[in-house]
Amino acid sequence: MTSFGDLLGPQPILLPDDHDDAEVALLNGTDPAQVAADHPTASIAWAYLAEAALKADQTITAYAYARTGYHRGLDQLRRNGWKGFGPVPYSHEPNRGFLRCVAALAVAAQRIGETDEHARCLDLLEDCDPRAAEALGIE
């Protein structure tokens, strides 16, 4: 059974802890731009940048950071067996960089009136983990 109770659905994707160095650097206060430069495939670094840009009302910058982290996360997910659908649990820490980027992209898209992109991001979060949007504080 998958983590969301679907007996026939794909197994959840649990990304490996490939970006522990990036996460440690961020938690130790290293500038997220430096972490992204040092670890460009780490979605978590792009999520930090996107979220900070959203807080600073730099929506277009946030959109670009979030989109970069989203695509880096998609690459990781695909390398780990994701076929474009199925569970990507928020409860698994290494998945959070990708999910946070999707959430930031949704917020940035909503702010610029890109309603289709906003809806796609919310749908993707729901498909990945029905609890993710709430955990990330978006609607």
C-alpha atoms as a PDB file:
ATOM      1  CA  MET A   1       0.000   0.000   0.000  1.00  0.00           C
ATOM      2  CA  THR A   2       1.279   3.504  -0.809  1.00  0.00           C
ATOM      3  CA  SER A   3       1.543   6.115   1.894  1.00  0.00           C
ATOM      4  CA  PHE A   4      -1.774   7.603   0.754  1.00  0.00           C
ATOM      5  CA  GLY A   5      -3.752   4.350   0.891  1.00  0.00           C
ATOM      6  CA  ASP A   6      -3.889   3.505  -2.823  1.00  0.00           C
ATOM      7  CA  LEU A   7      -3.330  -0.234  -3.131  1.00  0.00           C
ATOM      8  CA  LEU A   8      -2.713  -0.085  -6.878  1.00  0.00           C
ATOM      9  CA  GLY A   9      -0.899   3.230  -7.120  1.00  0.00           C
ATOM     10  CA  PRO A  10       2.821   3.766  -7.479  1.00  0.00           C
ATOM     11  CA  GLN A  11       5.034   3.600  -4.445  1.00  0.00           C
ATOM     12  CA  PRO A  12       6.010   6.948  -2.916  1.00  0.00           C
ATOM     13  CA  ILE A  13       9.181   8.551  -4.167  1.00  0.00           C
ATOM     14  CA  LEU A  14      11.609   9.157  -1.333  1.00  0.00           C
ATOM     15  CA  LEU A  15      14.474  11.204  -2.679  1.00  0.00           C
ATOM     16  CA  PRO A  16      17.916  10.313  -1.344  1.00  0.00           C
ATOM     17  CA  ASP A  17      19.749  12.626   1.021  1.00  0.00           C
ATOM     18  CA  ASP A  18      22.000  13.781  -1.837  1.00  0.00           C
ATOM     19  CA  HIS A  19      21.932  17.401  -0.732  1.00  0.00           C
ATOM     20  CA  ASP A  20      22.757  17.117   2.958  1.00  0.00           C
ATOM     21  CA  ASP A  21      25.702  19.509   2.503  1.00  0.00           C
ATOM     22  CA  ALA A  22      23.379  22.148   1.051  1.00  0.00           C
ATOM     23  CA  GLU A  23      20.844  21.680   3.832  1.00  0.00           C
ATOM     24  CA  VAL A  24      23.528  21.897   6.522  1.00  0.00           C
ATOM     25  CA  ALA A  25      24.955  25.047   4.951  1.00  0.00           C
ATOM     26  CA  LEU A  26      21.519  26.665   4.860  1.00  0.00           C
ATOM     27  CA  LEU A  27      20.758  25.694   8.440  1.00  0.00           C
ATOM     28  CA  ASN A  28      24.124  27.160   9.470  1.00  0.00           C
ATOM     29  CA  GLY A  29      23.182  30.509   7.936  1.00  0.00           C
ATOM     30  CA  THR A  30      25.165  30.385   4.709  1.00  0.00           C
ATOM     31  CA  ASP A  31      23.768  32.773   2.119  1.00  0.00           C
ATOM     32  CA  PRO A  32      21.283  30.766   0.020  1.00  0.00           C
ATOM     33  CA  ALA A  33      22.700  32.302  -3.186  1.00  0.00           C
ATOM     34  CA  GLN A  34      26.101  30.857  -2.298  1.00  0.00           C
ATOM     35  CA  VAL A  35      24.532  27.493  -1.464  1.00  0.00           C
ATOM     36  CA  ALA A  36      22.702  27.487  -4.817  1.00  0.00           C
ATOM     37  CA  ALA A  37      25.963  28.318  -6.591  1.00  0.00           C
ATOM     38  CA  ASP A  38      27.806  25.565  -4.723  1.00  0.00           C
ATOM     39  CA  HIS A  39      24.941  23.038  -5.062  1.00  0.00           C
ATOM     40  CA  PRO A  40      22.912  24.053  -8.144  1.00  0.00           C
ATOM     41  CA  THR A  41      20.952  20.795  -8.221  1.00  0.00           C
ATOM     42  CA  ALA A  42      19.703  21.230  -4.638  1.00  0.00           C
ATOM     43  CA  SER A  43      16.062  22.352  -4.851  1.00  0.00           C
ATOM     44  CA  ILE A  44      16.179  23.338  -1.203  1.00  0.00           C
ATOM     45  CA  ALA A  45      18.608  26.189  -1.950  1.00  0.00           C
ATOM     46  CA  TRP A  46      16.309  27.490  -4.692  1.00  0.00           C
ATOM     47  CA  ALA A  47      13.347  27.188  -2.321  1.00  0.00           C
ATOM     48  CA  TYR A  48      15.107  29.381   0.247  1.00  0.00           C
ATOM     49  CA  LEU A  49      15.856  31.957  -2.449  1.00  0.00           C
ATOM     50  CA  ALA A  50      12.299  31.901  -3.807  1.00  0.00           C
ATOM     51  CA  GLU A  51      10.709  32.204  -0.377  1.00  0.00           C
ATOM     52  CA  ALA A  52      12.987  35.107   0.571  1.00  0.00           C
ATOM     53  CA  ALA A  53      12.156  36.882  -2.690  1.00  0.00           C
ATOM     54  CA  LEU A  54       8.431  36.405  -2.051  1.00  0.00           C
ATOM     55  CA  LYS A  55       8.815  37.932   1.417  1.00  0.00           C
ATOM     56  CA  ALA A  56      10.686  40.885  -0.131  1.00  0.00           C
ATOM     57  CA  ASP A  57       7.876  41.347  -2.690  1.00  0.00           C
ATOM     58  CA  GLN A  58      10.249  40.462  -5.541  1.00  0.00           C
ATOM     59  CA  THR A  59       7.706  38.298  -7.323  1.00  0.00           C
ATOM     60  CA  ILE A  60       9.452  37.865 -10.678  1.00  0.00           C
ATOM     61  CA  THR A  61      12.711  36.950  -8.978  1.00  0.00           C
ATOM     62  CA  ALA A  62      10.833  34.487  -6.761  1.00  0.00           C
ATOM     63  CA  TYR A  63       9.153  33.002  -9.818  1.00  0.00           C
ATOM     64  CA  ALA A  64      12.523  32.447 -11.503  1.00  0.00           C
ATOM     65  CA  TYR A  65      14.116  30.892  -8.414  1.00  0.00           C
ATOM     66  CA  ALA A  66      11.091  28.666  -7.800  1.00  0.00           C
ATOM     67  CA  ARG A  67      10.969  27.530 -11.422  1.00  0.00           C
ATOM     68  CA  THR A  68      14.677  26.653 -11.312  1.00  0.00           C
ATOM     69  CA  GLY A  69      14.255  24.618  -8.137  1.00  0.00           C
ATOM     70  CA  TYR A  70      11.126  22.988  -9.525  1.00  0.00           C
ATOM     71  CA  HIS A  71      12.969  21.803 -12.626  1.00  0.00           C
ATOM     72  CA  ARG A  72      15.963  20.609 -10.614  1.00  0.00           C
ATOM     73  CA  GLY A  73      13.541  18.667  -8.425  1.00  0.00           C
ATOM     74  CA  LEU A  74      11.771  17.149 -11.420  1.00  0.00           C
ATOM     75  CA  ASP A  75      15.143  15.922 -12.682  1.00  0.00           C
ATOM     76  CA  GLN A  76      15.841  14.292  -9.319  1.00  0.00           C
ATOM     77  CA  LEU A  77      12.396  12.738  -9.089  1.00  0.00           C
ATOM     78  CA  ARG A  78      12.669  11.246 -12.569  1.00  0.00           C
ATOM     79  CA  ARG A  79      16.111   9.837 -11.808  1.00  0.00           C
ATOM     80  CA  ASN A  80      14.518   8.135  -8.817  1.00  0.00           C
ATOM     81  CA  GLY A  81      11.673   6.507 -10.717  1.00  0.00           C
ATOM     82  CA  TRP A  82       8.908   9.119 -10.704  1.00  0.00           C
ATOM     83  CA  LYS A  83       6.825   8.972 -13.885  1.00  0.00           C
ATOM     84  CA  GLY A  84       5.143  12.348 -13.526  1.00  0.00           C
ATOM     85  CA  PHE A  85       2.528  11.186 -11.047  1.00  0.00           C
ATOM     86  CA  GLY A  86       2.297   9.464  -7.719  1.00  0.00           C
ATOM     87  CA  PRO A  87       3.176  10.231  -4.137  1.00  0.00           C
ATOM     88  CA  VAL A  88       6.056  12.514  -3.199  1.00  0.00           C
ATOM     89  CA  PRO A  89       5.504  12.737   0.571  1.00  0.00           C
ATOM     90  CA  TYR A  90       6.153  16.047   2.272  1.00  0.00           C
ATOM     91  CA  SER A  91       6.982  14.120   5.442  1.00  0.00           C
ATOM     92  CA  HIS A  92      10.210  12.886   3.787  1.00  0.00           C
ATOM     93  CA  GLU A  93      12.686  15.729   4.355  1.00  0.00           C
ATOM     94  CA  PRO A  94      14.634  15.369   1.060  1.00  0.00           C
ATOM     95  CA  ASN A  95      11.365  15.838  -0.883  1.00  0.00           C
ATOM     96  CA  ARG A  96      10.677  19.196   0.735  1.00  0.00           C
ATOM     97  CA  GLY A  97      12.975  21.304  -1.449  1.00  0.00           C
ATOM     98  CA  PHE A  98      11.021  20.325  -4.538  1.00  0.00           C
ATOM     99  CA  LEU A  99       7.636  20.725  -2.849  1.00  0.00           C
ATOM    100  CA  ARG A 100       8.593  24.103  -1.399  1.00  0.00           C
ATOM    101  CA  CYS A 101       9.616  25.265  -4.879  1.00  0.00           C
ATOM    102  CA  VAL A 102       6.261  24.154  -6.289  1.00  0.00           C
ATOM    103  CA  ALA A 103       4.500  26.075  -3.525  1.00  0.00           C
ATOM    104  CA  ALA A 104       6.599  29.202  -4.100  1.00  0.00           C
ATOM    105  CA  LEU A 105       5.931  28.955  -7.832  1.00  0.00           C
ATOM    106  CA  ALA A 106       2.201  28.741  -7.118  1.00  0.00           C
ATOM    107  CA  VAL A 107       2.323  31.879  -4.976  1.00  0.00           C
ATOM    108  CA  ALA A 108       4.420  33.820  -7.486  1.00  0.00           C
ATOM    109  CA  ALA A 109       2.166  32.738 -10.366  1.00  0.00           C
ATOM    110  CA  GLN A 110      -0.908  33.847  -8.437  1.00  0.00           C
ATOM    111  CA  ARG A 111       0.658  37.241  -7.711  1.00  0.00           C
ATOM    112  CA  ILE A 112       1.297  37.925 -11.402  1.00  0.00           C
ATOM    113  CA  GLY A 113      -2.117  36.669 -12.462  1.00  0.00           C
ATOM    114  CA  GLU A 114      -0.923  33.477 -14.106  1.00  0.00           C
ATOM    115  CA  THR A 115      -3.973  31.534 -12.990  1.00  0.00           C
ATOM    116  CA  ASP A 116      -3.328  28.427 -15.103  1.00  0.00           C
ATOM    117  CA  GLU A 117       0.170  27.990 -13.654  1.00  0.00           C
ATOM    118  CA  HIS A 118      -1.126  28.633 -10.145  1.00  0.00           C
ATOM    119  CA  ALA A 119      -3.774  25.925 -10.593  1.00  0.00           C
ATOM    120  CA  ARG A 120      -1.245  23.466 -12.091  1.00  0.00           C
ATOM    121  CA  CYS A 121       1.083  23.953  -9.132  1.00  0.00           C
ATOM    122  CA  LEU A 122      -1.727  23.415  -6.638  1.00  0.00           C
ATOM    123  CA  ASP A 123      -2.809  20.296  -8.516  1.00  0.00           C
ATOM    124  CA  LEU A 124       0.768  19.004  -8.516  1.00  0.00           C
ATOM    125  CA  LEU A 125       1.079  19.562  -4.760  1.00  0.00           C
ATOM    126  CA  GLU A 126      -2.220  17.740  -4.224  1.00  0.00           C
ATOM    127  CA  ASP A 127      -1.094  14.854  -6.422  1.00  0.00           C
ATOM    128  CA  CYS A 128       2.275  14.626  -4.676  1.00  0.00           C
ATOM    129  CA  ASP A 129       0.897  14.828  -1.149  1.00  0.00           C
ATOM    130  CA  PRO A 130      -2.626  15.916  -0.201  1.00  0.00           C
ATOM    131  CA  ARG A 131      -1.201  17.431   3.000  1.00  0.00           C
ATOM    132  CA  ALA A 132       1.612  19.436   1.365  1.00  0.00           C
ATOM    133  CA  ALA A 133      -0.247  22.665   0.539  1.00  0.00           C
ATOM    134  CA  GLU A 134      -1.546  22.989   4.067  1.00  0.00           C
ATOM    135  CA  ALA A 135       1.872  22.197   5.533  1.00  0.00           C
ATOM    136  CA  LEU A 136       3.357  24.883   3.277  1.00  0.00           C
ATOM    137  CA  GLY A 137       0.645  27.396   4.119  1.00  0.00           C
ATOM    138  CA  ILE A 138      -0.765  27.937   0.639  1.00  0.00           C
ATOM    139  CA  GLU A 139      -4.185  27.537  -0.912  1.00  0.00           C
END
